[in-house]
Amino acid sequence: MEKQQKKLELLIEEIQGLLNEIKDEQIYAKEDVKKRHKVYMHSFSKLREFNQIADMTNQVFEKRISNIERTLQIMIQRKSETK
């Protein structure tokens, strides 16, 4: 009977050790997820900022191209009127 009791106690200790390892791994994983989330959110914020800058740049270029097209149309129209 005492032998079985010792076996059970050893098994309980092993199980407790494994549970502690699992708990430690979960804590580490949770902390890692928090860190990664923070990095991803920062990267996402920078990406949004970059996209906003790209949109503003595109608007400026669209206006410039539109002005160039308008000027070319006027030049073509004047040239055809002088002929």
C-alpha atoms as a PDB file:
ATOM      1  CA  MET A   1       0.000   0.000   0.000  1.00  0.00           C
ATOM      2  CA  GLU A   2       2.823   2.371   0.892  1.00  0.00           C
ATOM      3  CA  LYS A   3       4.464   1.642  -2.467  1.00  0.00           C
ATOM      4  CA  GLN A   4       1.305   2.663  -4.320  1.00  0.00           C
ATOM      5  CA  GLN A   5       1.042   5.796  -2.199  1.00  0.00           C
ATOM      6  CA  LYS A   6       4.624   6.757  -3.141  1.00  0.00           C
ATOM      7  CA  LYS A   7       3.881   6.093  -6.830  1.00  0.00           C
ATOM      8  CA  LEU A   8       0.794   8.280  -6.642  1.00  0.00           C
ATOM      9  CA  GLU A   9       2.727  11.034  -4.897  1.00  0.00           C
ATOM     10  CA  LEU A  10       5.446  10.884  -7.562  1.00  0.00           C
ATOM     11  CA  LEU A  11       2.830  11.001 -10.313  1.00  0.00           C
ATOM     12  CA  ILE A  12       1.147  13.956  -8.629  1.00  0.00           C
ATOM     13  CA  GLU A  13       4.502  15.759  -8.407  1.00  0.00           C
ATOM     14  CA  GLU A  14       5.183  15.063 -12.090  1.00  0.00           C
ATOM     15  CA  ILE A  15       1.737  16.311 -13.043  1.00  0.00           C
ATOM     16  CA  GLN A  16       2.220  19.445 -10.938  1.00  0.00           C
ATOM     17  CA  GLY A  17       5.595  20.012 -12.602  1.00  0.00           C
ATOM     18  CA  LEU A  18       4.025  19.657 -16.039  1.00  0.00           C
ATOM     19  CA  LEU A  19       1.181  21.980 -15.078  1.00  0.00           C
ATOM     20  CA  ASN A  20       3.707  24.562 -13.886  1.00  0.00           C
ATOM     21  CA  GLU A  21       5.585  24.273 -17.187  1.00  0.00           C
ATOM     22  CA  ILE A  22       2.345  24.734 -19.113  1.00  0.00           C
ATOM     23  CA  LYS A  23       1.447  27.728 -16.954  1.00  0.00           C
ATOM     24  CA  ASP A  24       4.875  29.298 -17.564  1.00  0.00           C
ATOM     25  CA  GLU A  25       4.568  28.690 -21.309  1.00  0.00           C
ATOM     26  CA  GLN A  26       1.115  30.288 -21.334  1.00  0.00           C
ATOM     27  CA  ILE A  27       2.429  33.337 -19.479  1.00  0.00           C
ATOM     28  CA  TYR A  28       5.315  33.631 -21.933  1.00  0.00           C
ATOM     29  CA  ALA A  29       2.971  33.201 -24.903  1.00  0.00           C
ATOM     30  CA  LYS A  30       0.597  35.855 -23.544  1.00  0.00           C
ATOM     31  CA  GLU A  31       3.448  38.333 -23.046  1.00  0.00           C
ATOM     32  CA  ASP A  32       4.786  37.537 -26.510  1.00  0.00           C
ATOM     33  CA  VAL A  33       1.353  38.125 -28.043  1.00  0.00           C
ATOM     34  CA  LYS A  34       1.117  41.489 -26.270  1.00  0.00           C
ATOM     35  CA  LYS A  35       4.528  42.545 -27.591  1.00  0.00           C
ATOM     36  CA  ARG A  36       3.726  41.409 -31.121  1.00  0.00           C
ATOM     37  CA  HIS A  37       0.344  43.132 -31.013  1.00  0.00           C
ATOM     38  CA  LYS A  38       2.024  46.377 -29.998  1.00  0.00           C
ATOM     39  CA  VAL A  39       4.552  46.056 -32.839  1.00  0.00           C
ATOM     40  CA  TYR A  40       1.833  45.171 -35.367  1.00  0.00           C
ATOM     41  CA  MET A  41      -0.337  48.094 -34.291  1.00  0.00           C
ATOM     42  CA  HIS A  42       2.633  50.448 -34.596  1.00  0.00           C
ATOM     43  CA  SER A  43       3.413  49.066 -38.056  1.00  0.00           C
ATOM     44  CA  PHE A  44      -0.244  49.351 -39.043  1.00  0.00           C
ATOM     45  CA  SER A  45      -0.276  52.973 -37.883  1.00  0.00           C
ATOM     46  CA  LYS A  46       2.832  53.731 -39.951  1.00  0.00           C
ATOM     47  CA  LEU A  47       1.281  52.008 -42.966  1.00  0.00           C
ATOM     48  CA  ARG A  48      -1.878  54.112 -42.638  1.00  0.00           C
ATOM     49  CA  GLU A  49       0.278  57.232 -42.358  1.00  0.00           C
ATOM     50  CA  PHE A  50       2.227  56.210 -45.468  1.00  0.00           C
ATOM     51  CA  ASN A  51      -1.020  55.583 -47.373  1.00  0.00           C
ATOM     52  CA  GLN A  52      -2.324  59.011 -46.382  1.00  0.00           C
ATOM     53  CA  ILE A  53       0.893  60.618 -47.623  1.00  0.00           C
ATOM     54  CA  ALA A  54       0.688  58.603 -50.851  1.00  0.00           C
ATOM     55  CA  ASP A  55      -2.927  59.735 -51.334  1.00  0.00           C
ATOM     56  CA  MET A  56      -1.956  63.379 -50.835  1.00  0.00           C
ATOM     57  CA  THR A  57       0.943  62.986 -53.270  1.00  0.00           C
ATOM     58  CA  ASN A  58      -1.360  61.385 -55.833  1.00  0.00           C
ATOM     59  CA  GLN A  59      -3.809  64.271 -55.483  1.00  0.00           C
ATOM     60  CA  VAL A  60      -1.013  66.771 -56.141  1.00  0.00           C
ATOM     61  CA  PHE A  61       0.163  64.847 -59.203  1.00  0.00           C
ATOM     62  CA  GLU A  62      -3.401  64.479 -60.482  1.00  0.00           C
ATOM     63  CA  LYS A  63      -3.849  68.258 -60.255  1.00  0.00           C
ATOM     64  CA  ARG A  64      -0.544  68.844 -62.042  1.00  0.00           C
ATOM     65  CA  ILE A  65      -1.378  66.357 -64.779  1.00  0.00           C
ATOM     66  CA  SER A  66      -4.830  67.883 -65.146  1.00  0.00           C
ATOM     67  CA  ASN A  67      -3.270  71.345 -65.512  1.00  0.00           C
ATOM     68  CA  ILE A  68      -0.785  70.039 -68.085  1.00  0.00           C
ATOM     69  CA  GLU A  69      -3.589  68.351 -70.045  1.00  0.00           C
ATOM     70  CA  ARG A  70      -5.661  71.528 -69.953  1.00  0.00           C
ATOM     71  CA  THR A  71      -2.687  73.587 -71.147  1.00  0.00           C
ATOM     72  CA  LEU A  72      -1.993  71.119 -73.959  1.00  0.00           C
ATOM     73  CA  GLN A  73      -5.631  71.203 -75.044  1.00  0.00           C
ATOM     74  CA  ILE A  74      -5.543  75.001 -75.134  1.00  0.00           C
ATOM     75  CA  MET A  75      -2.300  74.935 -77.139  1.00  0.00           C
ATOM     76  CA  ILE A  76      -3.727  72.401 -79.595  1.00  0.00           C
ATOM     77  CA  GLN A  77      -6.922  74.406 -79.930  1.00  0.00           C
ATOM     78  CA  ARG A  78      -5.011  77.646 -80.573  1.00  0.00           C
ATOM     79  CA  LYS A  79      -2.759  75.930 -83.079  1.00  0.00           C
ATOM     80  CA  SER A  80      -5.749  74.530 -84.975  1.00  0.00           C
ATOM     81  CA  GLU A  81      -7.421  77.978 -84.940  1.00  0.00           C
ATOM     82  CA  THR A  82      -4.370  79.653 -86.476  1.00  0.00           C
ATOM     83  CA  LYS A  83      -4.286  77.265 -89.434  1.00  0.00           C
END
